[in-house]
Amino acid sequence: MNNALSTSLERAYTHCALLVQDNDKDRFLANLFVPATERPHVYALHAFSFEIARIRELVSEPMPGEIRHQWWRDALEGEARGGASANPVAAALIDTVDRFDLSRAALIALIDARGFDLYDSPMPDLSSLEGYGKNTSSVLFRLAGEILRGAPTARSPDPRVDAAAESAGLAYAFTGLIRAFAMHASRGQIYLPSDLLRRHGSSPEEVLGGKATPALLASFAEWRREARRHLADALPFVAILPEQLKPAFVPLALVEPYLKRTEKGGFDPFRTPIELPQWRRQWALWRGLPSLTST
């Protein structure tokens, strides 16, 4: 690699780390537990996820968002490589994919799943939400684990990583969507599955009404239980992973503290911020890594 290219990539990776630091503080803090040699590559992965996730906020209607999604597909497939090199997130992501032989198909599936974000159709059922989580959050856990496993020549398939990543991604995705519920509802988006709402006598129309009715709160409580179920499924799988892979799963340490915030008296999913002070997040993450080692 010539010096100019090396300098350009270093700047691209630095840009990714700063982008995650400014816009996804939880993953930024969690990634500090990733070894320094792999950390820039995990930041590139998470910066890419942020870029795809924020497209809804940058467009006024779905079609421009679909065009942006297609640009990223082309970049990953090599059809926009010249243009991609000028985008620091794309440049760092493609370099990471090449270095670790990461699945382009998985990243394209993430883009495809995020197509749901561009529209205002409510999430139809829990199964659909799980599919969304598996193709977004679970992919990020799995590919971060692949990065920590090292160069592709030094690894063979490990089904434990896939099992841990699937449940971890669902727990983390459900918790993130619970936290973002009010923001999504304010712009007409509903990720709380319609079948959960109907089961408790609520509906997407009630969500858009902006009132925390008993039926809606009961639906929300079941959603929270589903997040905890996936967390409980994930932890035994994470516990048996090789030690070098466990830092990829440190973000799980924030799931339970956030969910507990939704159980406080007077909680209103439309008006109660589901936040933690940074010191609490850092403390939870610091305690979380040792807890992942217990079986």
C-alpha atoms as a PDB file:
ATOM      1  CA  MET A   1       0.000   0.000   0.000  1.00  0.00           C
ATOM      2  CA  ASN A   2       1.520   3.347  -1.008  1.00  0.00           C
ATOM      3  CA  ASN A   3       1.851   6.148   1.511  1.00  0.00           C
ATOM      4  CA  ALA A   4      -0.844   8.348  -0.045  1.00  0.00           C
ATOM      5  CA  LEU A   5      -3.371   5.519   0.041  1.00  0.00           C
ATOM      6  CA  SER A   6      -2.370   4.623   3.588  1.00  0.00           C
ATOM      7  CA  THR A   7      -2.846   8.229   4.724  1.00  0.00           C
ATOM      8  CA  SER A   8      -6.203   8.436   2.979  1.00  0.00           C
ATOM      9  CA  LEU A   9      -7.420   5.264   4.690  1.00  0.00           C
ATOM     10  CA  GLU A  10      -6.172   6.436   8.073  1.00  0.00           C
ATOM     11  CA  ARG A  11      -8.239   9.580   7.649  1.00  0.00           C
ATOM     12  CA  ALA A  12     -11.240   7.509   6.588  1.00  0.00           C
ATOM     13  CA  TYR A  13     -11.001   5.338   9.695  1.00  0.00           C
ATOM     14  CA  THR A  14     -10.588   8.389  11.916  1.00  0.00           C
ATOM     15  CA  HIS A  15     -13.695   9.887  10.319  1.00  0.00           C
ATOM     16  CA  CYS A  16     -15.632   6.701  11.123  1.00  0.00           C
ATOM     17  CA  ALA A  17     -14.572   6.727  14.768  1.00  0.00           C
ATOM     18  CA  LEU A  18     -15.599  10.373  15.150  1.00  0.00           C
ATOM     19  CA  LEU A  19     -18.911   9.731  13.398  1.00  0.00           C
ATOM     20  CA  VAL A  20     -19.733   6.930  15.836  1.00  0.00           C
ATOM     21  CA  GLN A  21     -18.542   8.996  18.788  1.00  0.00           C
ATOM     22  CA  ASP A  22     -20.837  11.866  17.845  1.00  0.00           C
ATOM     23  CA  ASN A  23     -23.900   9.861  16.853  1.00  0.00           C
ATOM     24  CA  ASP A  24     -23.842   6.448  18.539  1.00  0.00           C
ATOM     25  CA  LYS A  25     -22.195   7.009  21.887  1.00  0.00           C
ATOM     26  CA  ASP A  26     -23.182   3.604  23.267  1.00  0.00           C
ATOM     27  CA  ARG A  27     -21.369   1.696  20.529  1.00  0.00           C
ATOM     28  CA  PHE A  28     -18.472   4.145  20.660  1.00  0.00           C
ATOM     29  CA  LEU A  29     -17.971   3.476  24.371  1.00  0.00           C
ATOM     30  CA  ALA A  30     -18.467  -0.274  23.979  1.00  0.00           C
ATOM     31  CA  ASN A  31     -15.896  -0.410  21.191  1.00  0.00           C
ATOM     32  CA  LEU A  32     -13.249   0.919  23.548  1.00  0.00           C
ATOM     33  CA  PHE A  33     -13.108  -2.657  24.876  1.00  0.00           C
ATOM     34  CA  VAL A  34     -12.194  -3.933  21.408  1.00  0.00           C
ATOM     35  CA  PRO A  35      -8.428  -4.392  20.918  1.00  0.00           C
ATOM     36  CA  ALA A  36      -6.846  -1.320  19.322  1.00  0.00           C
ATOM     37  CA  THR A  37      -5.751  -3.236  16.220  1.00  0.00           C
ATOM     38  CA  GLU A  38      -9.333  -4.228  15.336  1.00  0.00           C
ATOM     39  CA  ARG A  39     -11.147  -1.216  16.766  1.00  0.00           C
ATOM     40  CA  PRO A  40     -10.956   1.011  13.650  1.00  0.00           C
ATOM     41  CA  HIS A  41     -12.566  -1.739  11.603  1.00  0.00           C
ATOM     42  CA  VAL A  42     -15.451  -2.176  14.048  1.00  0.00           C
ATOM     43  CA  TYR A  43     -15.941   1.592  14.010  1.00  0.00           C
ATOM     44  CA  ALA A  44     -16.101   1.436  10.204  1.00  0.00           C
ATOM     45  CA  LEU A  45     -18.818  -1.198  10.455  1.00  0.00           C
ATOM     46  CA  HIS A  46     -20.836   0.869  12.921  1.00  0.00           C
ATOM     47  CA  ALA A  47     -20.303   4.092  10.960  1.00  0.00           C
ATOM     48  CA  PHE A  48     -21.754   2.354   7.909  1.00  0.00           C
ATOM     49  CA  SER A  49     -24.761   1.248   9.971  1.00  0.00           C
ATOM     50  CA  PHE A  50     -25.299   4.818  11.148  1.00  0.00           C
ATOM     51  CA  GLU A  51     -25.096   6.176   7.604  1.00  0.00           C
ATOM     52  CA  ILE A  52     -27.787   3.752   6.454  1.00  0.00           C
ATOM     53  CA  ALA A  53     -29.960   4.334   9.524  1.00  0.00           C
ATOM     54  CA  ARG A  54     -29.996   8.103   9.139  1.00  0.00           C
ATOM     55  CA  ILE A  55     -31.056   8.163   5.501  1.00  0.00           C
ATOM     56  CA  ARG A  56     -34.714   8.476   6.544  1.00  0.00           C
ATOM     57  CA  GLU A  57     -33.828  11.757   8.279  1.00  0.00           C
ATOM     58  CA  LEU A  58     -32.079  13.134   5.186  1.00  0.00           C
ATOM     59  CA  VAL A  59     -34.852  12.614   2.632  1.00  0.00           C
ATOM     60  CA  SER A  60     -38.376  13.969   2.361  1.00  0.00           C
ATOM     61  CA  GLU A  61     -39.804  10.957   0.531  1.00  0.00           C
ATOM     62  CA  PRO A  62     -38.827   7.304  -0.039  1.00  0.00           C
ATOM     63  CA  MET A  63     -37.435   7.465  -3.585  1.00  0.00           C
ATOM     64  CA  PRO A  64     -34.340   9.563  -2.776  1.00  0.00           C
ATOM     65  CA  GLY A  65     -33.718   7.185   0.108  1.00  0.00           C
ATOM     66  CA  GLU A  66     -33.951   4.191  -2.204  1.00  0.00           C
ATOM     67  CA  ILE A  67     -31.411   5.871  -4.503  1.00  0.00           C
ATOM     68  CA  ARG A  68     -29.007   6.333  -1.600  1.00  0.00           C
ATOM     69  CA  HIS A  69     -29.478   2.692  -0.633  1.00  0.00           C
ATOM     70  CA  GLN A  70     -28.662   1.630  -4.186  1.00  0.00           C
ATOM     71  CA  TRP A  71     -25.475   3.689  -4.131  1.00  0.00           C
ATOM     72  CA  TRP A  72     -24.316   1.750  -1.080  1.00  0.00           C
ATOM     73  CA  ARG A  73     -25.216  -1.567  -2.708  1.00  0.00           C
ATOM     74  CA  ASP A  74     -23.189  -0.574  -5.757  1.00  0.00           C
ATOM     75  CA  ALA A  75     -20.280   0.466  -3.563  1.00  0.00           C
ATOM     76  CA  LEU A  76     -20.224  -2.899  -1.806  1.00  0.00           C
ATOM     77  CA  GLU A  77     -20.488  -4.780  -5.087  1.00  0.00           C
ATOM     78  CA  GLY A  78     -17.640  -2.791  -6.623  1.00  0.00           C
ATOM     79  CA  GLU A  79     -19.759  -0.993  -9.182  1.00  0.00           C
ATOM     80  CA  ALA A  80     -19.241   2.407  -7.561  1.00  0.00           C
ATOM     81  CA  ARG A  81     -15.729   1.848  -6.256  1.00  0.00           C
ATOM     82  CA  GLY A  82     -14.315   5.032  -7.804  1.00  0.00           C
ATOM     83  CA  GLY A  83     -16.999   7.129  -6.198  1.00  0.00           C
ATOM     84  CA  ALA A  84     -16.876   5.077  -3.027  1.00  0.00           C
ATOM     85  CA  SER A  85     -13.219   5.929  -2.436  1.00  0.00           C
ATOM     86  CA  ALA A  86     -14.193   9.569  -2.022  1.00  0.00           C
ATOM     87  CA  ASN A  87     -16.636   8.673   0.759  1.00  0.00           C
ATOM     88  CA  PRO A  88     -14.615   8.019   3.943  1.00  0.00           C
ATOM     89  CA  VAL A  89     -17.156   5.613   5.456  1.00  0.00           C
ATOM     90  CA  ALA A  90     -17.409   3.616   2.234  1.00  0.00           C
ATOM     91  CA  ALA A  91     -13.626   3.587   1.832  1.00  0.00           C
ATOM     92  CA  ALA A  92     -13.049   2.306   5.373  1.00  0.00           C
ATOM     93  CA  LEU A  93     -15.894  -0.216   5.136  1.00  0.00           C
ATOM     94  CA  ILE A  94     -14.695  -1.681   1.824  1.00  0.00           C
ATOM     95  CA  ASP A  95     -11.138  -1.914   3.166  1.00  0.00           C
ATOM     96  CA  THR A  96     -12.481  -3.716   6.252  1.00  0.00           C
ATOM     97  CA  VAL A  97     -14.587  -6.083   4.142  1.00  0.00           C
ATOM     98  CA  ASP A  98     -11.545  -6.900   1.993  1.00  0.00           C
ATOM     99  CA  ARG A  99      -9.172  -7.388   4.931  1.00  0.00           C
ATOM    100  CA  PHE A 100     -11.467  -9.729   6.855  1.00  0.00           C
ATOM    101  CA  ASP A 101     -13.384 -11.251   3.963  1.00  0.00           C
ATOM    102  CA  LEU A 102     -16.672 -10.115   5.473  1.00  0.00           C
ATOM    103  CA  SER A 103     -19.937 -11.033   3.823  1.00  0.00           C
ATOM    104  CA  ARG A 104     -21.045  -8.399   1.357  1.00  0.00           C
ATOM    105  CA  ALA A 105     -24.378 -10.217   1.137  1.00  0.00           C
ATOM    106  CA  ALA A 106     -24.947  -9.626   4.865  1.00  0.00           C
ATOM    107  CA  LEU A 107     -24.241  -5.911   4.494  1.00  0.00           C
ATOM    108  CA  ILE A 108     -26.543  -5.664   1.493  1.00  0.00           C
ATOM    109  CA  ALA A 109     -29.226  -7.495   3.504  1.00  0.00           C
ATOM    110  CA  LEU A 110     -28.819  -4.789   6.154  1.00  0.00           C
ATOM    111  CA  ILE A 111     -29.436  -2.117   3.532  1.00  0.00           C
ATOM    112  CA  ASP A 112     -32.470  -4.011   2.226  1.00  0.00           C
ATOM    113  CA  ALA A 113     -33.936  -4.369   5.720  1.00  0.00           C
ATOM    114  CA  ARG A 114     -33.486  -0.652   6.306  1.00  0.00           C
ATOM    115  CA  GLY A 115     -35.747  -0.036   3.334  1.00  0.00           C
ATOM    116  CA  PHE A 116     -38.576  -0.437   5.851  1.00  0.00           C
ATOM    117  CA  ASP A 117     -37.408   2.777   7.521  1.00  0.00           C
ATOM    118  CA  LEU A 118     -38.151   4.837   4.417  1.00  0.00           C
ATOM    119  CA  TYR A 119     -41.889   4.219   4.604  1.00  0.00           C
ATOM    120  CA  ASP A 120     -44.597   4.719   7.227  1.00  0.00           C
ATOM    121  CA  SER A 121     -46.140   1.251   7.158  1.00  0.00           C
ATOM    122  CA  PRO A 122     -46.464  -0.142  10.709  1.00  0.00           C
ATOM    123  CA  MET A 123     -44.448  -3.227  11.643  1.00  0.00           C
ATOM    124  CA  PRO A 124     -47.009  -5.966  10.960  1.00  0.00           C
ATOM    125  CA  ASP A 125     -46.012  -8.602  13.488  1.00  0.00           C
ATOM    126  CA  LEU A 126     -43.349  -9.845  15.861  1.00  0.00           C
ATOM    127  CA  SER A 127     -41.939 -12.240  13.280  1.00  0.00           C
ATOM    128  CA  SER A 128     -41.343  -9.353  10.864  1.00  0.00           C
ATOM    129  CA  LEU A 129     -39.645  -7.333  13.588  1.00  0.00           C
ATOM    130  CA  GLU A 130     -37.362 -10.266  14.362  1.00  0.00           C
ATOM    131  CA  GLY A 131     -36.458 -10.512  10.688  1.00  0.00           C
ATOM    132  CA  TYR A 132     -35.651  -6.796  10.686  1.00  0.00           C
ATOM    133  CA  GLY A 133     -33.475  -7.184  13.787  1.00  0.00           C
ATOM    134  CA  LYS A 134     -31.623 -10.209  12.436  1.00  0.00           C
ATOM    135  CA  ASN A 135     -30.739  -8.396   9.215  1.00  0.00           C
ATOM    136  CA  THR A 136     -29.620  -5.217  10.957  1.00  0.00           C
ATOM    137  CA  SER A 137     -28.396  -5.466  14.545  1.00  0.00           C
ATOM    138  CA  SER A 138     -27.566  -9.191  14.469  1.00  0.00           C
ATOM    139  CA  VAL A 139     -25.477  -8.665  11.337  1.00  0.00           C
ATOM    140  CA  LEU A 140     -23.416  -6.031  13.138  1.00  0.00           C
ATOM    141  CA  PHE A 141     -22.703  -8.326  16.094  1.00  0.00           C
ATOM    142  CA  ARG A 142     -21.787 -11.215  13.784  1.00  0.00           C
ATOM    143  CA  LEU A 143     -19.459  -9.183  11.571  1.00  0.00           C
ATOM    144  CA  ALA A 144     -17.806  -7.523  14.586  1.00  0.00           C
ATOM    145  CA  GLY A 145     -17.166 -11.027  15.888  1.00  0.00           C
ATOM    146  CA  GLU A 146     -15.701 -12.007  12.528  1.00  0.00           C
ATOM    147  CA  ILE A 147     -13.353  -9.028  12.693  1.00  0.00           C
ATOM    148  CA  LEU A 148     -12.154 -10.085  16.147  1.00  0.00           C
ATOM    149  CA  ARG A 149     -11.498 -13.606  14.894  1.00  0.00           C
ATOM    150  CA  GLY A 150      -8.725 -12.195  12.719  1.00  0.00           C
ATOM    151  CA  ALA A 151      -7.587 -12.695   9.148  1.00  0.00           C
ATOM    152  CA  PRO A 152      -9.795 -15.073   7.143  1.00  0.00           C
ATOM    153  CA  THR A 153      -6.957 -17.539   6.609  1.00  0.00           C
ATOM    154  CA  ALA A 154      -6.749 -17.999  10.379  1.00  0.00           C
ATOM    155  CA  ARG A 155     -10.364 -18.935  10.980  1.00  0.00           C
ATOM    156  CA  SER A 156     -12.943 -21.553  10.144  1.00  0.00           C
ATOM    157  CA  PRO A 157     -16.744 -21.226  10.467  1.00  0.00           C
ATOM    158  CA  ASP A 158     -17.936 -21.032  14.063  1.00  0.00           C
ATOM    159  CA  PRO A 159     -21.689 -21.553  14.548  1.00  0.00           C
ATOM    160  CA  ARG A 160     -21.390 -20.228  18.106  1.00  0.00           C
ATOM    161  CA  VAL A 161     -20.769 -16.743  16.750  1.00  0.00           C
ATOM    162  CA  ASP A 162     -23.890 -16.903  14.606  1.00  0.00           C
ATOM    163  CA  ALA A 163     -26.034 -18.138  17.490  1.00  0.00           C
ATOM    164  CA  ALA A 164     -24.730 -15.491  19.876  1.00  0.00           C
ATOM    165  CA  ALA A 165     -25.052 -12.715  17.301  1.00  0.00           C
ATOM    166  CA  GLU A 166     -28.623 -13.555  16.347  1.00  0.00           C
ATOM    167  CA  SER A 167     -30.029 -13.339  19.887  1.00  0.00           C
ATOM    168  CA  ALA A 168     -27.732 -10.466  20.881  1.00  0.00           C
ATOM    169  CA  GLY A 169     -28.838  -8.476  17.867  1.00  0.00           C
ATOM    170  CA  LEU A 170     -32.514  -9.011  18.626  1.00  0.00           C
ATOM    171  CA  ALA A 171     -32.113  -7.963  22.272  1.00  0.00           C
ATOM    172  CA  TYR A 172     -30.140  -4.866  21.288  1.00  0.00           C
ATOM    173  CA  ALA A 173     -32.427  -3.946  18.380  1.00  0.00           C
ATOM    174  CA  PHE A 174     -35.617  -4.311  20.409  1.00  0.00           C
ATOM    175  CA  THR A 175     -34.155  -2.177  23.191  1.00  0.00           C
ATOM    176  CA  GLY A 176     -33.004   0.486  20.750  1.00  0.00           C
ATOM    177  CA  LEU A 177     -36.422   0.624  19.104  1.00  0.00           C
ATOM    178  CA  ILE A 178     -38.110   0.822  22.507  1.00  0.00           C
ATOM    179  CA  ARG A 179     -35.887   3.791  23.319  1.00  0.00           C
ATOM    180  CA  ALA A 180     -36.682   5.435  19.968  1.00  0.00           C
ATOM    181  CA  PHE A 181     -40.425   4.735  20.189  1.00  0.00           C
ATOM    182  CA  ALA A 182     -41.476   8.353  20.814  1.00  0.00           C
ATOM    183  CA  MET A 183     -39.261   9.739  18.063  1.00  0.00           C
ATOM    184  CA  HIS A 184     -40.513   7.206  15.549  1.00  0.00           C
ATOM    185  CA  ALA A 185     -44.155   7.747  16.507  1.00  0.00           C
ATOM    186  CA  SER A 186     -43.760  11.510  16.125  1.00  0.00           C
ATOM    187  CA  ARG A 187     -42.939  11.030  12.445  1.00  0.00           C
ATOM    188  CA  GLY A 188     -45.567   8.371  11.807  1.00  0.00           C
ATOM    189  CA  GLN A 189     -43.426   5.250  12.174  1.00  0.00           C
ATOM    190  CA  ILE A 190     -44.438   2.305  14.360  1.00  0.00           C
ATOM    191  CA  TYR A 191     -42.000  -0.498  15.115  1.00  0.00           C
ATOM    192  CA  LEU A 192     -44.050  -1.945  17.980  1.00  0.00           C
ATOM    193  CA  PRO A 193     -45.577  -4.950  16.159  1.00  0.00           C
ATOM    194  CA  SER A 194     -49.252  -4.659  15.264  1.00  0.00           C
ATOM    195  CA  ASP A 195     -49.996  -8.186  16.498  1.00  0.00           C
ATOM    196  CA  LEU A 196     -48.727  -7.240  19.974  1.00  0.00           C
ATOM    197  CA  LEU A 197     -50.900  -4.133  19.909  1.00  0.00           C
ATOM    198  CA  ARG A 198     -53.999  -6.070  18.860  1.00  0.00           C
ATOM    199  CA  ARG A 199     -53.392  -8.749  21.476  1.00  0.00           C
ATOM    200  CA  HIS A 200     -53.734  -6.128  24.201  1.00  0.00           C
ATOM    201  CA  GLY A 201     -56.605  -4.212  22.620  1.00  0.00           C
ATOM    202  CA  SER A 202     -54.521  -1.424  21.091  1.00  0.00           C
ATOM    203  CA  SER A 203     -53.739  -0.490  17.483  1.00  0.00           C
ATOM    204  CA  PRO A 204     -51.334   1.494  15.301  1.00  0.00           C
ATOM    205  CA  GLU A 205     -53.937   4.272  15.191  1.00  0.00           C
ATOM    206  CA  GLU A 206     -53.829   4.498  18.977  1.00  0.00           C
ATOM    207  CA  VAL A 207     -50.051   4.792  18.886  1.00  0.00           C
ATOM    208  CA  LEU A 208     -50.306   7.696  16.470  1.00  0.00           C
ATOM    209  CA  GLY A 209     -52.756   9.325  18.877  1.00  0.00           C
ATOM    210  CA  GLY A 210     -49.859   9.888  21.263  1.00  0.00           C
ATOM    211  CA  LYS A 211     -51.548   8.734  24.478  1.00  0.00           C
ATOM    212  CA  ALA A 212     -50.158   6.139  26.876  1.00  0.00           C
ATOM    213  CA  THR A 213     -53.342   4.101  27.288  1.00  0.00           C
ATOM    214  CA  PRO A 214     -53.402   0.945  29.468  1.00  0.00           C
ATOM    215  CA  ALA A 215     -53.645  -1.174  26.301  1.00  0.00           C
ATOM    216  CA  LEU A 216     -50.598   0.493  24.793  1.00  0.00           C
ATOM    217  CA  LEU A 217     -48.618   0.145  28.020  1.00  0.00           C
ATOM    218  CA  ALA A 218     -49.497  -3.557  28.138  1.00  0.00           C
ATOM    219  CA  SER A 219     -48.261  -3.930  24.557  1.00  0.00           C
ATOM    220  CA  PHE A 220     -45.092  -2.079  25.492  1.00  0.00           C
ATOM    221  CA  ALA A 221     -44.563  -4.398  28.468  1.00  0.00           C
ATOM    222  CA  GLU A 222     -44.766  -7.463  26.225  1.00  0.00           C
ATOM    223  CA  TRP A 223     -42.270  -5.873  23.847  1.00  0.00           C
ATOM    224  CA  ARG A 224     -39.939  -5.359  26.797  1.00  0.00           C
ATOM    225  CA  ARG A 225     -40.361  -9.021  27.801  1.00  0.00           C
ATOM    226  CA  GLU A 226     -39.415 -10.072  24.272  1.00  0.00           C
ATOM    227  CA  ALA A 227     -36.236  -7.987  24.483  1.00  0.00           C
ATOM    228  CA  ARG A 228     -35.338  -9.675  27.776  1.00  0.00           C
ATOM    229  CA  ARG A 229     -36.093 -13.104  26.343  1.00  0.00           C
ATOM    230  CA  HIS A 230     -33.598 -12.543  23.555  1.00  0.00           C
ATOM    231  CA  LEU A 231     -31.038 -11.216  26.043  1.00  0.00           C
ATOM    232  CA  ALA A 232     -31.453 -14.357  28.149  1.00  0.00           C
ATOM    233  CA  ASP A 233     -30.987 -16.461  25.018  1.00  0.00           C
ATOM    234  CA  ALA A 234     -27.854 -14.566  24.003  1.00  0.00           C
ATOM    235  CA  LEU A 235     -25.847 -14.621  27.215  1.00  0.00           C
ATOM    236  CA  PRO A 236     -25.184 -18.395  27.414  1.00  0.00           C
ATOM    237  CA  PHE A 237     -23.959 -18.391  23.824  1.00  0.00           C
ATOM    238  CA  VAL A 238     -21.697 -15.407  24.460  1.00  0.00           C
ATOM    239  CA  ALA A 239     -20.318 -17.026  27.612  1.00  0.00           C
ATOM    240  CA  ILE A 240     -18.915 -20.006  25.672  1.00  0.00           C
ATOM    241  CA  LEU A 241     -17.257 -17.935  22.953  1.00  0.00           C
ATOM    242  CA  PRO A 242     -13.455 -17.645  22.865  1.00  0.00           C
ATOM    243  CA  GLU A 243     -12.317 -14.744  25.021  1.00  0.00           C
ATOM    244  CA  GLN A 244     -11.019 -12.768  22.048  1.00  0.00           C
ATOM    245  CA  LEU A 245     -14.561 -12.529  20.593  1.00  0.00           C
ATOM    246  CA  LYS A 246     -16.409 -11.349  23.688  1.00  0.00           C
ATOM    247  CA  PRO A 247     -15.612  -7.624  23.320  1.00  0.00           C
ATOM    248  CA  ALA A 248     -17.862  -7.613  20.238  1.00  0.00           C
ATOM    249  CA  PHE A 249     -20.795  -8.325  22.562  1.00  0.00           C
ATOM    250  CA  VAL A 250     -20.113  -5.722  25.269  1.00  0.00           C
ATOM    251  CA  PRO A 251     -23.037  -3.510  24.060  1.00  0.00           C
ATOM    252  CA  LEU A 252     -25.382  -6.120  25.560  1.00  0.00           C
ATOM    253  CA  ALA A 253     -24.460  -4.768  28.990  1.00  0.00           C
ATOM    254  CA  LEU A 254     -26.680  -1.736  28.292  1.00  0.00           C
ATOM    255  CA  VAL A 255     -29.840  -3.664  27.442  1.00  0.00           C
ATOM    256  CA  GLU A 256     -31.059  -4.344  30.976  1.00  0.00           C
ATOM    257  CA  PRO A 257     -30.291  -0.864  32.400  1.00  0.00           C
ATOM    258  CA  TYR A 258     -32.282   0.747  29.589  1.00  0.00           C
ATOM    259  CA  LEU A 259     -35.192  -1.659  29.963  1.00  0.00           C
ATOM    260  CA  LYS A 260     -35.345  -0.964  33.697  1.00  0.00           C
ATOM    261  CA  ARG A 261     -35.855   2.726  32.925  1.00  0.00           C
ATOM    262  CA  THR A 262     -39.145   1.809  31.247  1.00  0.00           C
ATOM    263  CA  GLU A 263     -40.464   0.176  34.429  1.00  0.00           C
ATOM    264  CA  LYS A 264     -40.310   3.196  36.693  1.00  0.00           C
ATOM    265  CA  GLY A 265     -43.568   4.569  38.041  1.00  0.00           C
ATOM    266  CA  GLY A 266     -45.246   7.100  35.804  1.00  0.00           C
ATOM    267  CA  PHE A 267     -43.389   5.935  32.707  1.00  0.00           C
ATOM    268  CA  ASP A 268     -44.900   7.339  29.522  1.00  0.00           C
ATOM    269  CA  PRO A 269     -43.363   5.950  26.306  1.00  0.00           C
ATOM    270  CA  PHE A 270     -44.186   9.203  24.505  1.00  0.00           C
ATOM    271  CA  ARG A 271     -42.689  11.561  27.075  1.00  0.00           C
ATOM    272  CA  THR A 272     -40.240   9.779  29.386  1.00  0.00           C
ATOM    273  CA  PRO A 273     -36.663   9.851  28.027  1.00  0.00           C
ATOM    274  CA  ILE A 274     -35.046   6.401  28.169  1.00  0.00           C
ATOM    275  CA  GLU A 275     -31.528   7.613  28.839  1.00  0.00           C
ATOM    276  CA  LEU A 276     -28.620   6.915  31.153  1.00  0.00           C
ATOM    277  CA  PRO A 277     -25.910   9.364  32.222  1.00  0.00           C
ATOM    278  CA  GLN A 278     -22.618   8.620  30.518  1.00  0.00           C
ATOM    279  CA  TRP A 279     -20.990   7.530  33.759  1.00  0.00           C
ATOM    280  CA  ARG A 280     -23.746   4.927  34.236  1.00  0.00           C
ATOM    281  CA  ARG A 281     -23.228   3.636  30.715  1.00  0.00           C
ATOM    282  CA  GLN A 282     -19.478   3.424  31.167  1.00  0.00           C
ATOM    283  CA  TRP A 283     -19.931   1.633  34.491  1.00  0.00           C
ATOM    284  CA  ALA A 284     -22.408  -0.854  32.971  1.00  0.00           C
ATOM    285  CA  LEU A 285     -20.082  -1.563  30.049  1.00  0.00           C
ATOM    286  CA  TRP A 286     -17.065  -1.977  32.320  1.00  0.00           C
ATOM    287  CA  ARG A 287     -18.958  -4.442  34.497  1.00  0.00           C
ATOM    288  CA  GLY A 288     -20.506  -6.102  31.469  1.00  0.00           C
ATOM    289  CA  LEU A 289     -17.339  -7.578  29.955  1.00  0.00           C
ATOM    290  CA  PRO A 290     -16.481  -9.743  32.991  1.00  0.00           C
ATOM    291  CA  SER A 291     -20.104 -10.892  33.228  1.00  0.00           C
ATOM    292  CA  LEU A 292     -19.932 -12.209  29.670  1.00  0.00           C
ATOM    293  CA  THR A 293     -17.218 -14.636  30.720  1.00  0.00           C
ATOM    294  CA  SER A 294     -19.395 -16.484  33.235  1.00  0.00           C
ATOM    295  CA  THR A 295     -21.231 -19.603  32.116  1.00  0.00           C
END
